[in-house]
Amino acid sequence: MATKKKQEVEVQSVTTVVEDGDSSVATSNPVDVNVPVDLNPLSKTPTLFSPTVEVEMLRGDFYLEHATDGSAGFDVRAAIDEPIKLIRGGRSQLIPTGFKMHISDPNYMAIIVPRSGNGHKRGLVLGNSVAIIDSDYQGEWFISAWARPNRTQWTSTEKNDFIDNDTPEYVLVNPGDRIAQIIFVPIAHPKFVQVDKLSASTVRGEGGFSSTGTK
């Protein structure tokens, strides 16, 4: 499991400029930040949104990892023992990840989305489009994998048109394949106020589908 190091930031010097007539005086005031800052193991860049999330590994030797320094999501792998053939246009199938995770902080959630290369090149997407993982869920995480039917009747027209032993009939998921990505995001719980009429109007108003045009 990929881990992150923590660094305690104790004192930060802040320069304040005070204007007095035609002169300016610069002063340095120590500010006690005293908050833990997670460091990305690749870039060492401080991250402000860094909740602590417990992970319980159930089986396999799989990792949650950033593919690159700037990747927003954690790639998640298929914790399976044998390859799975997903029939293009067929039913979606739940693929285990091999771990449980407890976000615990109700101000955060996780979303599971397809990996762009899988979706565009192979047609491997999610059966539920986007999955939402609530902060209080503690069961094993599963990926609802679905093979889009865009190539069911096709024959290969280009080199690498079908990759990783895929065929026009199915997408092949092998043990340890990176099949989706997880993104952790902050959420808001607004207070709802019932009113007789909305208090402000906008230029758009009630304009809905296609109201702003396509170009």
Protein backbone atom coordinates (compact mmCIF):
# COMPACT_ATOMS: atom_id res chain seq x y z
CA MET A 1 0.00 0.00 0.00
CA ALA A 2 1.42 3.32 -0.98
CA THR A 3 1.85 5.55 2.03
CA LYS A 4 2.40 9.24 2.68
CA LYS A 5 4.86 10.86 5.06
CA LYS A 6 3.79 13.58 7.45
CA GLN A 7 5.67 16.70 8.33
CA GLU A 8 4.88 18.87 11.34
CA VAL A 9 4.87 22.56 10.42
CA GLU A 10 5.50 24.47 13.64
CA VAL A 11 6.24 28.10 12.84
CA GLN A 12 5.79 30.09 9.67
CA SER A 13 7.15 33.61 9.27
CA VAL A 14 4.68 36.05 7.75
CA THR A 15 5.75 39.51 6.53
CA THR A 16 3.22 42.30 7.10
CA VAL A 17 3.53 45.71 5.47
CA VAL A 18 2.12 48.62 7.49
CA GLU A 19 1.72 51.91 5.69
CA ASP A 20 2.22 55.10 7.72
CA GLY A 21 1.86 58.19 5.60
CA ASP A 22 4.54 58.11 2.91
CA SER A 23 6.56 55.37 4.57
CA SER A 24 6.11 51.63 4.81
CA VAL A 25 7.37 49.39 7.60
CA ALA A 26 7.85 45.67 7.04
CA THR A 27 7.57 43.42 10.08
CA SER A 28 7.92 39.68 10.45
CA ASN A 29 5.41 37.98 12.74
CA PRO A 30 5.75 34.31 13.62
CA VAL A 31 2.51 32.43 13.09
CA ASP A 32 2.00 29.10 14.82
CA VAL A 33 0.50 26.90 12.15
CA ASN A 34 1.06 23.62 14.00
CA VAL A 35 -0.93 21.47 11.59
CA PRO A 36 0.18 18.21 10.00
CA VAL A 37 0.73 18.45 6.27
CA ASP A 38 0.77 15.34 4.11
CA LEU A 39 3.53 15.21 1.54
CA ASN A 40 2.98 13.52 -1.79
CA PRO A 41 5.61 10.73 -1.87
CA LEU A 42 6.55 11.70 -5.43
CA SER A 43 6.59 15.49 -5.44
CA LYS A 44 6.90 16.33 -1.72
CA THR A 45 4.28 18.99 -2.35
CA PRO A 46 2.20 19.92 0.74
CA THR A 47 -1.43 18.87 0.46
CA LEU A 48 -4.09 20.76 2.41
CA PHE A 49 -6.90 18.25 1.90
CA SER A 50 -5.43 15.20 3.58
CA PRO A 51 -7.86 13.20 5.71
CA THR A 52 -6.60 10.07 7.41
CA VAL A 53 -8.22 6.99 5.88
CA GLU A 54 -7.94 3.49 7.32
CA VAL A 55 -7.32 0.65 4.86
CA GLU A 56 -7.71 -3.05 5.64
CA MET A 57 -6.13 -5.38 3.09
CA LEU A 58 -8.11 -8.57 2.57
CA ARG A 59 -6.08 -10.42 -0.05
CA GLY A 60 -3.56 -9.95 -2.77
CA ASP A 61 -0.61 -7.62 -2.97
CA PHE A 62 -2.19 -4.67 -4.71
CA TYR A 63 -1.56 -0.96 -4.33
CA LEU A 64 -3.38 2.32 -4.39
CA GLU A 65 -0.98 4.52 -6.31
CA HIS A 66 -0.67 7.71 -8.30
CA ALA A 67 0.49 6.97 -11.85
CA THR A 68 2.28 10.32 -12.08
CA ASP A 69 3.15 13.24 -9.83
CA GLY A 70 0.17 15.24 -11.06
CA SER A 71 -2.43 12.45 -11.08
CA ALA A 72 -5.63 13.29 -9.22
CA GLY A 73 -6.82 9.72 -8.75
CA PHE A 74 -5.44 6.57 -7.17
CA ASP A 75 -5.38 3.65 -9.60
CA VAL A 76 -7.13 0.57 -8.22
CA ARG A 77 -6.37 -2.97 -9.33
CA ALA A 78 -8.45 -6.10 -9.85
CA ALA A 79 -7.96 -8.46 -6.89
CA ILE A 80 -8.87 -11.62 -8.78
CA ASP A 81 -7.17 -14.99 -9.22
CA GLU A 82 -8.25 -15.75 -12.78
CA PRO A 83 -8.86 -13.56 -15.85
CA ILE A 84 -12.39 -12.31 -16.39
CA LYS A 85 -13.97 -11.87 -19.83
CA LEU A 86 -16.43 -8.99 -19.98
CA ILE A 87 -18.72 -9.50 -22.95
CA ARG A 88 -19.10 -6.26 -24.90
CA GLY A 89 -22.60 -4.98 -24.37
CA GLY A 90 -23.29 -7.68 -21.79
CA ARG A 91 -23.93 -7.42 -18.09
CA SER A 92 -21.66 -5.52 -15.76
CA GLN A 93 -19.67 -7.53 -13.24
CA LEU A 94 -18.47 -6.66 -9.74
CA ILE A 95 -14.71 -7.01 -9.50
CA PRO A 96 -13.18 -7.03 -6.00
CA THR A 97 -10.40 -4.64 -5.02
CA GLY A 98 -9.08 -6.74 -2.13
CA PHE A 99 -9.44 -4.03 0.52
CA LYS A 100 -11.82 -2.30 2.89
CA MET A 101 -11.55 1.41 3.49
CA HIS A 102 -13.14 3.67 6.10
CA ILE A 103 -13.06 7.37 5.22
CA SER A 104 -14.77 8.22 8.55
CA ASP A 105 -14.72 12.00 8.06
CA PRO A 106 -18.24 13.02 6.88
CA ASN A 107 -16.76 16.03 5.12
CA TYR A 108 -15.18 13.74 2.51
CA MET A 109 -16.28 11.06 0.10
CA ALA A 110 -14.66 9.02 -2.63
CA ILE A 111 -15.78 8.60 -6.20
CA ILE A 112 -14.78 5.76 -8.52
CA VAL A 113 -14.47 6.63 -12.20
CA PRO A 114 -13.06 4.85 -15.28
CA ARG A 115 -9.44 5.23 -16.31
CA SER A 116 -9.41 7.32 -19.48
CA GLY A 117 -7.25 4.93 -21.52
CA ASN A 118 -9.43 1.95 -20.65
CA GLY A 119 -12.59 3.81 -21.54
CA HIS A 120 -11.41 5.35 -24.81
CA LYS A 121 -9.20 2.60 -26.22
CA ARG A 122 -10.79 -0.54 -24.82
CA GLY A 123 -14.36 0.36 -23.94
CA LEU A 124 -13.82 -0.70 -20.31
CA VAL A 125 -16.01 1.60 -18.22
CA LEU A 126 -18.20 1.37 -15.11
CA GLY A 127 -21.59 -0.26 -15.02
CA ASN A 128 -22.87 2.52 -12.75
CA SER A 129 -21.06 5.34 -14.61
CA VAL A 130 -19.71 6.90 -11.40
CA ALA A 131 -19.65 5.20 -8.01
CA ILE A 132 -19.95 7.16 -4.76
CA ILE A 133 -18.36 5.80 -1.60
CA ASP A 134 -19.79 7.35 1.56
CA SER A 135 -17.62 8.16 4.54
CA ASP A 136 -19.34 5.57 6.78
CA TYR A 137 -19.07 2.59 4.40
CA GLN A 138 -16.81 -0.14 5.80
CA GLY A 139 -17.27 -3.09 3.46
CA GLU A 140 -14.98 -4.27 0.69
CA TRP A 141 -14.84 -2.00 -2.32
CA PHE A 142 -15.95 -3.46 -5.65
CA ILE A 143 -15.68 -2.08 -9.17
CA SER A 144 -18.77 -2.41 -11.36
CA ALA A 145 -16.96 -3.15 -14.63
CA TRP A 146 -18.75 -3.02 -17.97
CA ALA A 147 -17.51 -3.48 -21.55
CA ARG A 148 -19.09 -0.89 -23.81
CA PRO A 149 -20.63 -2.41 -26.96
CA ASN A 150 -19.00 0.00 -29.42
CA ARG A 151 -16.80 -2.66 -31.01
CA THR A 152 -18.93 -5.78 -30.89
CA GLN A 153 -19.30 -6.00 -34.66
CA TRP A 154 -15.92 -4.54 -35.56
CA THR A 155 -12.83 -6.14 -36.95
CA SER A 156 -9.43 -4.70 -36.23
CA THR A 157 -8.78 -1.70 -38.49
CA GLU A 158 -5.62 -0.31 -36.90
CA LYS A 159 -2.56 -1.64 -35.16
CA ASN A 160 -3.32 -1.99 -31.44
CA ASP A 161 -7.05 -1.58 -32.12
CA PHE A 162 -7.55 -4.34 -29.56
CA ILE A 163 -4.98 -4.40 -26.76
CA ASP A 164 -4.23 -6.58 -23.74
CA ASN A 165 -5.71 -9.65 -25.48
CA ASP A 166 -9.09 -7.97 -25.96
CA THR A 167 -11.22 -9.10 -28.89
CA PRO A 168 -14.22 -7.64 -30.76
CA GLU A 169 -16.39 -9.79 -28.47
CA TYR A 170 -14.97 -9.14 -25.04
CA VAL A 171 -12.59 -7.14 -22.82
CA LEU A 172 -10.16 -9.24 -20.81
CA VAL A 173 -9.45 -8.25 -17.19
CA ASN A 174 -6.39 -9.95 -15.76
CA PRO A 175 -5.36 -10.26 -12.09
CA GLY A 176 -3.72 -7.04 -10.95
CA ASP A 177 -4.94 -4.93 -13.89
CA ARG A 178 -5.60 -1.27 -13.14
CA ILE A 179 -9.30 -1.07 -13.94
CA ALA A 180 -10.52 2.18 -12.35
CA GLN A 181 -9.40 5.15 -10.29
CA ILE A 182 -10.47 6.58 -6.95
CA ILE A 183 -10.70 10.31 -6.24
CA PHE A 184 -11.23 11.74 -2.77
CA VAL A 185 -13.18 14.99 -2.64
CA PRO A 186 -14.58 17.31 0.04
CA ILE A 187 -18.36 17.62 0.17
CA ALA A 188 -20.86 20.13 1.54
CA HIS A 189 -24.01 19.54 3.59
CA PRO A 190 -26.09 22.69 2.92
CA LYS A 191 -28.95 23.92 5.06
CA PHE A 192 -32.17 24.01 3.06
CA VAL A 193 -34.57 26.93 3.47
CA GLN A 194 -38.04 26.68 1.95
CA VAL A 195 -39.20 29.97 0.42
CA ASP A 196 -42.25 31.15 -1.50
CA LYS A 197 -40.05 32.44 -4.31
CA LEU A 198 -36.35 32.43 -5.05
CA SER A 199 -34.85 35.67 -3.78
CA ALA A 200 -32.66 36.50 -6.79
CA SER A 201 -32.86 36.12 -10.55
CA THR A 202 -30.08 35.36 -13.02
CA VAL A 203 -29.50 36.06 -16.69
CA ARG A 204 -30.04 32.41 -17.50
CA GLY A 205 -33.15 32.06 -15.38
CA GLU A 206 -35.01 28.83 -16.14
CA GLY A 207 -33.13 28.08 -19.35
CA GLY A 208 -32.40 24.38 -19.32
CA PHE A 209 -31.19 21.85 -21.86
CA SER A 210 -29.35 23.48 -24.79
CA SER A 211 -30.48 26.93 -23.71
CA THR A 212 -26.96 28.31 -24.10
CA GLY A 213 -26.43 26.75 -27.53
CA THR A 214 -23.69 24.41 -28.74
CA LYS A 215 -21.17 26.86 -30.21
